Amino acid sequence: MRDMDVLEVFKSRRGEDNRASIASDVAGLGAKPIMTMAFAYLRLKATSSERTRLSYWQERKAKEVMMENLDCGIQISTVAKECSLSRSHFSRAFKKATGYSPRDWLQLARLTRAQELLEQTDFSISQVGLECGFVDQSHFTRMFSRKLGIAPGKWRLRERSRLQE
């Protein structure tokens, strides 16, 4: 049995629960054809997992759209639509490409922008929070403290004193 024959068997039966019929197909075979089938199956699985990654342009477009909308709420389905993908497929592929879910990546980008604003401007804490898309100062302070382990006001003081040294 050649690799291509095995590949066609798996492609035609993908999505169905035909483990028993596949097992009966190989029951009379020796070790070599069974190993050939196993390797073909693993190659097929590897190919399908590669398809769950975002392409370069999709990842770049997704990040660009999210960065443009840091200050306002944007739905993940909107970003997925910009990348010509369904919401669920986009979320899986984005996480595979970046290591973060779209929601977590967006929150991390907002907090990174907040750190820049706290360091470079004299905006109030609430103004920084609003500029970065948080609902109010309380929400901003809670998220900032949870991710960075320090309140934004204390972080600003610490950074400014560090820069003055």
N, C-alpha and C. Protein backbone atom coordinates (compact mmCIF):
# COMPACT_ATOMS: atom_id res chain seq x y z
N MET A 1 0.86 -1.19 0.00
CA MET A 1 0.00 0.00 0.00
C MET A 1 0.89 1.24 0.00
N ARG A 2 0.70 2.14 -0.94
CA ARG A 2 1.52 3.33 -1.06
C ARG A 2 0.98 4.44 -0.16
N ASP A 3 1.84 5.44 0.13
CA ASP A 3 1.43 6.59 0.94
C ASP A 3 0.20 7.27 0.38
N MET A 4 0.15 7.43 -0.91
CA MET A 4 -0.97 8.14 -1.54
C MET A 4 -2.28 7.39 -1.33
N ASP A 5 -2.23 6.05 -1.41
CA ASP A 5 -3.43 5.24 -1.18
C ASP A 5 -3.93 5.43 0.25
N VAL A 6 -3.00 5.42 1.19
CA VAL A 6 -3.34 5.59 2.59
C VAL A 6 -3.92 6.97 2.82
N LEU A 7 -3.31 7.97 2.22
CA LEU A 7 -3.77 9.34 2.36
C LEU A 7 -5.20 9.48 1.86
N GLU A 8 -5.50 8.85 0.74
CA GLU A 8 -6.85 8.91 0.19
C GLU A 8 -7.85 8.24 1.12
N VAL A 9 -7.45 7.12 1.75
CA VAL A 9 -8.33 6.44 2.71
C VAL A 9 -8.66 7.38 3.85
N PHE A 10 -7.65 8.05 4.41
CA PHE A 10 -7.88 8.93 5.54
C PHE A 10 -8.65 10.17 5.13
N LYS A 11 -8.37 10.72 3.97
CA LYS A 11 -9.10 11.91 3.52
C LYS A 11 -10.57 11.58 3.31
N SER A 12 -10.85 10.44 2.70
CA SER A 12 -12.24 10.10 2.41
C SER A 12 -13.01 9.77 3.68
N ARG A 13 -12.32 9.36 4.72
CA ARG A 13 -13.00 8.97 5.95
C ARG A 13 -12.90 10.00 7.05
N ARG A 14 -12.26 11.13 6.77
CA ARG A 14 -12.10 12.16 7.79
C ARG A 14 -13.47 12.70 8.17
N GLY A 15 -13.68 12.93 9.43
CA GLY A 15 -14.94 13.45 9.90
C GLY A 15 -15.93 12.36 10.25
N GLU A 16 -15.66 11.13 9.85
CA GLU A 16 -16.53 10.02 10.18
C GLU A 16 -15.85 9.19 11.26
N ASP A 17 -16.64 8.41 11.99
CA ASP A 17 -16.05 7.54 13.00
C ASP A 17 -15.87 6.16 12.38
N ASN A 18 -14.83 5.99 11.62
CA ASN A 18 -14.58 4.74 10.92
C ASN A 18 -13.35 4.02 11.45
N ARG A 19 -13.06 4.19 12.72
CA ARG A 19 -11.87 3.54 13.27
C ARG A 19 -11.96 2.02 13.13
N ALA A 20 -13.14 1.46 13.33
CA ALA A 20 -13.30 0.02 13.24
C ALA A 20 -13.07 -0.46 11.81
N SER A 21 -13.62 0.25 10.82
CA SER A 21 -13.44 -0.19 9.44
C SER A 21 -12.00 -0.01 8.99
N ILE A 22 -11.32 1.05 9.46
CA ILE A 22 -9.91 1.23 9.12
C ILE A 22 -9.11 0.10 9.74
N ALA A 23 -9.43 -0.24 10.98
CA ALA A 23 -8.72 -1.32 11.65
C ALA A 23 -8.93 -2.64 10.91
N SER A 24 -10.16 -2.89 10.42
CA SER A 24 -10.41 -4.14 9.70
C SER A 24 -9.70 -4.13 8.35
N ASP A 25 -9.54 -2.94 7.73
CA ASP A 25 -8.81 -2.84 6.47
C ASP A 25 -7.35 -3.22 6.64
N VAL A 26 -6.77 -2.92 7.78
CA VAL A 26 -5.35 -3.18 8.00
C VAL A 26 -5.09 -4.46 8.79
N ALA A 27 -6.14 -5.15 9.20
CA ALA A 27 -5.97 -6.33 10.06
C ALA A 27 -5.10 -7.40 9.40
N GLY A 28 -5.21 -7.58 8.10
CA GLY A 28 -4.45 -8.62 7.42
C GLY A 28 -3.10 -8.15 6.92
N LEU A 29 -2.73 -6.92 7.18
CA LEU A 29 -1.48 -6.37 6.67
C LEU A 29 -0.33 -6.64 7.64
N GLY A 30 0.87 -6.55 7.12
CA GLY A 30 2.05 -6.70 7.95
C GLY A 30 2.42 -5.38 8.61
N ALA A 31 3.56 -5.36 9.29
CA ALA A 31 4.00 -4.18 10.03
C ALA A 31 4.34 -3.01 9.11
N LYS A 32 4.96 -3.31 7.96
CA LYS A 32 5.41 -2.22 7.08
C LYS A 32 4.23 -1.40 6.54
N PRO A 33 3.18 -2.02 6.01
CA PRO A 33 2.04 -1.22 5.54
C PRO A 33 1.34 -0.45 6.67
N ILE A 34 1.30 -1.04 7.84
CA ILE A 34 0.67 -0.36 8.98
C ILE A 34 1.49 0.86 9.36
N MET A 35 2.81 0.73 9.38
CA MET A 35 3.67 1.88 9.69
C MET A 35 3.53 2.95 8.61
N THR A 36 3.41 2.53 7.36
CA THR A 36 3.22 3.48 6.26
C THR A 36 1.95 4.27 6.48
N MET A 37 0.89 3.57 6.88
CA MET A 37 -0.39 4.24 7.14
C MET A 37 -0.25 5.20 8.32
N ALA A 38 0.45 4.78 9.35
CA ALA A 38 0.61 5.63 10.53
C ALA A 38 1.36 6.91 10.17
N PHE A 39 2.44 6.78 9.41
CA PHE A 39 3.21 7.97 9.02
C PHE A 39 2.39 8.88 8.11
N ALA A 40 1.61 8.30 7.21
CA ALA A 40 0.76 9.11 6.33
C ALA A 40 -0.28 9.87 7.15
N TYR A 41 -0.83 9.21 8.15
CA TYR A 41 -1.81 9.85 9.02
C TYR A 41 -1.18 11.01 9.78
N LEU A 42 0.02 10.80 10.31
CA LEU A 42 0.71 11.87 11.04
C LEU A 42 1.02 13.05 10.13
N ARG A 43 1.40 12.79 8.88
CA ARG A 43 1.66 13.89 7.93
C ARG A 43 0.36 14.65 7.65
N LEU A 44 -0.73 13.92 7.51
CA LEU A 44 -2.02 14.57 7.27
C LEU A 44 -2.41 15.44 8.45
N LYS A 45 -2.22 14.94 9.67
CA LYS A 45 -2.53 15.73 10.87
C LYS A 45 -1.66 16.97 10.95
N ALA A 46 -0.37 16.84 10.62
CA ALA A 46 0.54 17.99 10.66
C ALA A 46 0.11 19.04 9.65
N THR A 47 -0.32 18.61 8.47
CA THR A 47 -0.76 19.55 7.45
C THR A 47 -2.01 20.29 7.90
N SER A 48 -2.95 19.59 8.53
CA SER A 48 -4.17 20.26 8.97
C SER A 48 -3.90 21.21 10.12
N SER A 49 -2.91 20.92 10.98
CA SER A 49 -2.62 21.84 12.08
C SER A 49 -1.92 23.09 11.57
N GLU A 50 -1.17 22.99 10.47
CA GLU A 50 -0.54 24.17 9.89
C GLU A 50 -1.58 25.14 9.36
N ARG A 51 -2.70 24.63 8.92
CA ARG A 51 -3.74 25.49 8.37
C ARG A 51 -4.41 26.33 9.45
N THR A 52 -4.23 25.98 10.71
CA THR A 52 -4.87 26.75 11.77
C THR A 52 -4.08 27.97 12.16
N ARG A 53 -2.89 28.18 11.57
CA ARG A 53 -2.12 29.41 11.82
C ARG A 53 -2.62 30.51 10.92
N LEU A 54 -2.48 31.74 11.38
CA LEU A 54 -2.79 32.88 10.53
C LEU A 54 -1.67 33.07 9.52
N SER A 55 -2.03 33.53 8.35
CA SER A 55 -0.99 33.90 7.39
C SER A 55 -0.36 35.21 7.87
N TYR A 56 0.75 35.56 7.26
CA TYR A 56 1.46 36.78 7.68
C TYR A 56 0.55 38.00 7.56
N TRP A 57 -0.15 38.13 6.43
CA TRP A 57 -0.98 39.32 6.24
C TRP A 57 -2.15 39.33 7.21
N GLN A 58 -2.69 38.16 7.56
CA GLN A 58 -3.82 38.12 8.49
C GLN A 58 -3.38 38.53 9.90
N GLU A 59 -2.23 38.05 10.33
CA GLU A 59 -1.73 38.43 11.66
C GLU A 59 -1.45 39.94 11.71
N ARG A 60 -0.80 40.44 10.67
CA ARG A 60 -0.48 41.88 10.60
C ARG A 60 -1.75 42.72 10.58
N LYS A 61 -2.74 42.32 9.79
CA LYS A 61 -4.01 43.04 9.69
C LYS A 61 -4.76 43.00 11.02
N ALA A 62 -4.79 41.86 11.67
CA ALA A 62 -5.49 41.73 12.95
C ALA A 62 -4.88 42.65 14.00
N LYS A 63 -3.56 42.64 14.10
CA LYS A 63 -2.89 43.50 15.08
C LYS A 63 -3.11 44.97 14.74
N GLU A 64 -3.06 45.29 13.47
CA GLU A 64 -3.26 46.68 13.03
C GLU A 64 -4.67 47.17 13.39
N VAL A 65 -5.68 46.36 13.12
CA VAL A 65 -7.06 46.72 13.42
C VAL A 65 -7.25 46.88 14.93
N MET A 66 -6.68 45.97 15.70
CA MET A 66 -6.83 46.07 17.16
C MET A 66 -6.10 47.29 17.71
N MET A 67 -4.91 47.59 17.19
CA MET A 67 -4.16 48.76 17.66
C MET A 67 -4.89 50.06 17.31
N GLU A 68 -5.54 50.10 16.14
CA GLU A 68 -6.28 51.30 15.75
C GLU A 68 -7.50 51.53 16.64
N ASN A 69 -7.95 50.48 17.28
CA ASN A 69 -9.17 50.57 18.09
C ASN A 69 -8.91 50.34 19.57
N LEU A 70 -7.71 50.67 20.05
CA LEU A 70 -7.39 50.50 21.47
C LEU A 70 -8.30 51.33 22.35
N ASP A 71 -8.63 52.53 21.89
CA ASP A 71 -9.39 53.46 22.74
C ASP A 71 -10.89 53.19 22.75
N CYS A 72 -11.37 52.31 21.89
CA CYS A 72 -12.79 51.99 21.88
C CYS A 72 -12.96 50.48 21.83
N GLY A 73 -14.13 50.05 22.14
CA GLY A 73 -14.38 48.61 22.12
C GLY A 73 -14.46 48.09 20.70
N ILE A 74 -13.80 46.99 20.44
CA ILE A 74 -13.89 46.33 19.14
C ILE A 74 -14.19 44.86 19.39
N GLN A 75 -15.07 44.33 18.60
CA GLN A 75 -15.44 42.94 18.76
C GLN A 75 -14.47 42.05 17.98
N ILE A 76 -14.20 40.90 18.52
CA ILE A 76 -13.30 39.95 17.88
C ILE A 76 -13.87 39.52 16.53
N SER A 77 -15.18 39.44 16.43
CA SER A 77 -15.79 39.06 15.15
C SER A 77 -15.49 40.09 14.06
N THR A 78 -15.37 41.35 14.44
CA THR A 78 -15.02 42.40 13.48
C THR A 78 -13.59 42.21 12.98
N VAL A 79 -12.69 41.90 13.88
CA VAL A 79 -11.30 41.66 13.51
C VAL A 79 -11.22 40.41 12.62
N ALA A 80 -11.96 39.37 12.99
CA ALA A 80 -11.97 38.14 12.21
C ALA A 80 -12.48 38.40 10.79
N LYS A 81 -13.49 39.22 10.69
CA LYS A 81 -14.06 39.56 9.38
C LYS A 81 -13.02 40.27 8.51
N GLU A 82 -12.22 41.15 9.12
CA GLU A 82 -11.15 41.85 8.40
C GLU A 82 -10.11 40.87 7.85
N CYS A 83 -9.98 39.74 8.53
CA CYS A 83 -9.01 38.72 8.11
C CYS A 83 -9.66 37.63 7.26
N SER A 84 -10.92 37.82 6.93
CA SER A 84 -11.67 36.86 6.09
C SER A 84 -11.77 35.48 6.74
N LEU A 85 -12.00 35.46 8.05
CA LEU A 85 -12.14 34.20 8.78
C LEU A 85 -13.35 34.25 9.69
N SER A 86 -13.83 33.08 10.09
CA SER A 86 -14.89 33.05 11.09
C SER A 86 -14.28 33.42 12.43
N ARG A 87 -15.12 33.82 13.38
CA ARG A 87 -14.63 34.24 14.69
C ARG A 87 -13.90 33.12 15.40
N SER A 88 -14.46 31.93 15.40
CA SER A 88 -13.85 30.83 16.14
C SER A 88 -12.52 30.39 15.50
N HIS A 89 -12.49 30.30 14.17
CA HIS A 89 -11.26 29.91 13.50
C HIS A 89 -10.19 30.99 13.71
N PHE A 90 -10.59 32.25 13.61
CA PHE A 90 -9.65 33.34 13.84
C PHE A 90 -9.05 33.27 15.24
N SER A 91 -9.90 33.05 16.24
CA SER A 91 -9.42 33.00 17.63
C SER A 91 -8.39 31.89 17.83
N ARG A 92 -8.67 30.70 17.29
CA ARG A 92 -7.73 29.58 17.41
C ARG A 92 -6.42 29.89 16.68
N ALA A 93 -6.53 30.40 15.47
CA ALA A 93 -5.34 30.68 14.66
C ALA A 93 -4.52 31.82 15.26
N PHE A 94 -5.19 32.84 15.80
CA PHE A 94 -4.47 33.96 16.41
C PHE A 94 -3.68 33.48 17.63
N LYS A 95 -4.32 32.65 18.44
CA LYS A 95 -3.62 32.13 19.62
C LYS A 95 -2.43 31.28 19.22
N LYS A 96 -2.58 30.50 18.17
CA LYS A 96 -1.48 29.67 17.71
C LYS A 96 -0.33 30.52 17.18
N ALA A 97 -0.66 31.64 16.53
CA ALA A 97 0.35 32.51 15.94
C ALA A 97 1.06 33.38 16.98
N THR A 98 0.32 33.85 17.99
CA THR A 98 0.89 34.83 18.93
C THR A 98 1.13 34.28 20.33
N GLY A 99 0.46 33.20 20.66
CA GLY A 99 0.55 32.68 22.03
C GLY A 99 -0.49 33.28 22.96
N TYR A 100 -1.28 34.23 22.46
CA TYR A 100 -2.32 34.89 23.25
C TYR A 100 -3.65 34.79 22.51
N SER A 101 -4.73 34.71 23.29
CA SER A 101 -6.04 34.83 22.67
C SER A 101 -6.19 36.28 22.20
N PRO A 102 -7.06 36.54 21.22
CA PRO A 102 -7.22 37.92 20.77
C PRO A 102 -7.59 38.87 21.91
N ARG A 103 -8.44 38.43 22.80
CA ARG A 103 -8.85 39.26 23.94
C ARG A 103 -7.67 39.59 24.85
N ASP A 104 -6.85 38.57 25.15
CA ASP A 104 -5.69 38.78 26.02
C ASP A 104 -4.65 39.66 25.34
N TRP A 105 -4.45 39.46 24.02
CA TRP A 105 -3.49 40.28 23.29
C TRP A 105 -3.92 41.75 23.29
N LEU A 106 -5.22 41.98 23.08
CA LEU A 106 -5.76 43.33 23.07
C LEU A 106 -5.59 43.98 24.44
N GLN A 107 -5.86 43.24 25.49
CA GLN A 107 -5.69 43.79 26.83
C GLN A 107 -4.23 44.09 27.13
N LEU A 108 -3.34 43.22 26.71
CA LEU A 108 -1.91 43.46 26.90
C LEU A 108 -1.46 44.70 26.11
N ALA A 109 -1.97 44.87 24.90
CA ALA A 109 -1.64 46.05 24.09
C ALA A 109 -2.15 47.32 24.77
N ARG A 110 -3.35 47.26 25.35
CA ARG A 110 -3.90 48.42 26.06
C ARG A 110 -3.05 48.77 27.28
N LEU A 111 -2.63 47.75 28.01
CA LEU A 111 -1.81 48.00 29.20
C LEU A 111 -0.42 48.52 28.83
N THR A 112 0.13 48.04 27.74
CA THR A 112 1.42 48.53 27.27
C THR A 112 1.31 49.99 26.87
N ARG A 113 0.22 50.33 26.17
CA ARG A 113 -0.02 51.73 25.79
C ARG A 113 -0.22 52.59 27.04
N ALA A 114 -0.91 52.06 28.03
CA ALA A 114 -1.12 52.79 29.28
C ALA A 114 0.22 53.07 29.97
N GLN A 115 1.12 52.11 29.97
CA GLN A 115 2.44 52.32 30.56
C GLN A 115 3.17 53.45 29.84
N GLU A 116 3.08 53.47 28.51
CA GLU A 116 3.72 54.54 27.74
C GLU A 116 3.14 55.90 28.11
N LEU A 117 1.80 55.97 28.19
CA LEU A 117 1.16 57.24 28.53
C LEU A 117 1.49 57.69 29.95
N LEU A 118 1.52 56.75 30.87
CA LEU A 118 1.86 57.10 32.26
C LEU A 118 3.28 57.64 32.35
N GLU A 119 4.17 57.07 31.57
CA GLU A 119 5.57 57.46 31.62
C GLU A 119 5.84 58.77 30.87
N GLN A 120 5.14 58.98 29.75
CA GLN A 120 5.48 60.10 28.87
C GLN A 120 4.58 61.32 28.98
N THR A 121 3.46 61.20 29.65
CA THR A 121 2.52 62.33 29.74
C THR A 121 2.19 62.64 31.19
N ASP A 122 1.49 63.74 31.36
CA ASP A 122 0.99 64.11 32.69
C ASP A 122 -0.52 63.89 32.79
N PHE A 123 -1.07 63.04 31.92
CA PHE A 123 -2.49 62.74 31.97
C PHE A 123 -2.84 62.14 33.33
N SER A 124 -4.05 62.42 33.80
CA SER A 124 -4.50 61.79 35.03
C SER A 124 -4.66 60.29 34.79
N ILE A 125 -4.74 59.54 35.87
CA ILE A 125 -4.90 58.09 35.77
C ILE A 125 -6.19 57.75 35.03
N SER A 126 -7.25 58.46 35.34
CA SER A 126 -8.52 58.18 34.65
C SER A 126 -8.43 58.51 33.17
N GLN A 127 -7.73 59.59 32.81
CA GLN A 127 -7.57 59.96 31.40
C GLN A 127 -6.77 58.90 30.66
N VAL A 128 -5.72 58.39 31.28
CA VAL A 128 -4.93 57.32 30.66
C VAL A 128 -5.80 56.10 30.43
N GLY A 129 -6.59 55.74 31.42
CA GLY A 129 -7.49 54.60 31.29
C GLY A 129 -8.47 54.76 30.14
N LEU A 130 -9.06 55.94 30.03
CA LEU A 130 -10.00 56.20 28.94
C LEU A 130 -9.31 56.18 27.58
N GLU A 131 -8.11 56.75 27.51
CA GLU A 131 -7.34 56.76 26.25
C GLU A 131 -7.00 55.34 25.79
N CYS A 132 -6.92 54.42 26.71
CA CYS A 132 -6.54 53.05 26.38
C CYS A 132 -7.74 52.11 26.28
N GLY A 133 -8.94 52.67 26.34
CA GLY A 133 -10.13 51.86 26.10
C GLY A 133 -10.74 51.20 27.31
N PHE A 134 -10.32 51.58 28.51
CA PHE A 134 -10.94 51.03 29.71
C PHE A 134 -12.18 51.85 30.03
N VAL A 135 -13.17 51.21 30.62
CA VAL A 135 -14.46 51.84 30.86
C VAL A 135 -14.35 53.01 31.83
N ASP A 136 -13.61 52.83 32.91
CA ASP A 136 -13.43 53.90 33.90
C ASP A 136 -12.13 53.66 34.66
N GLN A 137 -11.81 54.57 35.57
CA GLN A 137 -10.55 54.48 36.31
C GLN A 137 -10.49 53.21 37.15
N SER A 138 -11.60 52.85 37.74
CA SER A 138 -11.64 51.65 38.57
C SER A 138 -11.27 50.41 37.76
N HIS A 139 -11.88 50.28 36.59
CA HIS A 139 -11.60 49.14 35.72
C HIS A 139 -10.13 49.15 35.30
N PHE A 140 -9.64 50.30 34.91
CA PHE A 140 -8.24 50.44 34.50
C PHE A 140 -7.29 50.05 35.64
N THR A 141 -7.53 50.58 36.82
CA THR A 141 -6.67 50.29 37.97
C THR A 141 -6.70 48.81 38.31
N ARG A 142 -7.88 48.22 38.27
CA ARG A 142 -8.01 46.80 38.59
C ARG A 142 -7.23 45.93 37.58
N MET A 143 -7.38 46.21 36.28
CA MET A 143 -6.68 45.43 35.26
C MET A 143 -5.16 45.65 35.31
N PHE A 144 -4.76 46.90 35.48
CA PHE A 144 -3.34 47.24 35.56
C PHE A 144 -2.70 46.52 36.75
N SER A 145 -3.35 46.61 37.90
CA SER A 145 -2.82 45.99 39.11
C SER A 145 -2.77 44.47 38.99
N ARG A 146 -3.79 43.90 38.37
CA ARG A 146 -3.84 42.44 38.23
C ARG A 146 -2.70 41.94 37.34
N LYS A 147 -2.44 42.63 36.24
CA LYS A 147 -1.41 42.18 35.30
C LYS A 147 0.01 42.57 35.72
N LEU A 148 0.18 43.74 36.31
CA LEU A 148 1.53 44.22 36.62
C LEU A 148 1.87 44.17 38.10
N GLY A 149 0.90 43.88 38.94
CA GLY A 149 1.17 43.72 40.36
C GLY A 149 1.36 45.02 41.12
N ILE A 150 1.02 46.15 40.50
CA ILE A 150 1.18 47.45 41.16
C ILE A 150 0.15 48.40 40.56
N ALA A 151 -0.37 49.31 41.39
CA ALA A 151 -1.37 50.27 40.92
C ALA A 151 -0.71 51.25 39.94
N PRO A 152 -1.47 51.80 38.98
CA PRO A 152 -0.88 52.69 37.99
C PRO A 152 -0.22 53.93 38.57
N GLY A 153 -0.81 54.52 39.62
CA GLY A 153 -0.22 55.70 40.24
C GLY A 153 1.14 55.39 40.86
N LYS A 154 1.22 54.27 41.56
CA LYS A 154 2.49 53.86 42.16
C LYS A 154 3.51 53.51 41.09
N TRP A 155 3.04 52.88 40.01
CA TRP A 155 3.94 52.52 38.90
C TRP A 155 4.55 53.79 38.29
N ARG A 156 3.70 54.81 38.10
CA ARG A 156 4.16 56.07 37.53
C ARG A 156 5.23 56.71 38.42
N LEU A 157 4.97 56.76 39.73
CA LEU A 157 5.95 57.33 40.67
C LEU A 157 7.26 56.56 40.64
N ARG A 158 7.17 55.25 40.62
CA ARG A 158 8.37 54.41 40.59
C ARG A 158 9.17 54.64 39.31
N GLU A 159 8.50 54.72 38.18
CA GLU A 159 9.18 54.92 36.90
C GLU A 159 9.82 56.30 36.83
N ARG A 160 9.12 57.30 37.32
CA ARG A 160 9.68 58.66 37.28
C ARG A 160 10.89 58.78 38.20
N SER A 161 10.83 58.15 39.36
CA SER A 161 11.98 58.23 40.27
C SER A 161 13.16 57.43 39.69
N ARG A 162 12.85 56.35 39.00
CA ARG A 162 13.91 55.55 38.36
C ARG A 162 14.57 56.34 37.25
N LEU A 163 13.79 57.10 36.47
CA LEU A 163 14.34 57.90 35.39
C LEU A 163 15.17 59.08 35.89
N GLN A 164 14.84 59.58 37.08
CA GLN A 164 15.56 60.74 37.61
C GLN A 164 16.92 60.34 38.21
N GLU A 165 17.09 59.10 38.51
CA GLU A 165 18.34 58.63 39.13
C GLU A 165 19.48 58.64 38.16
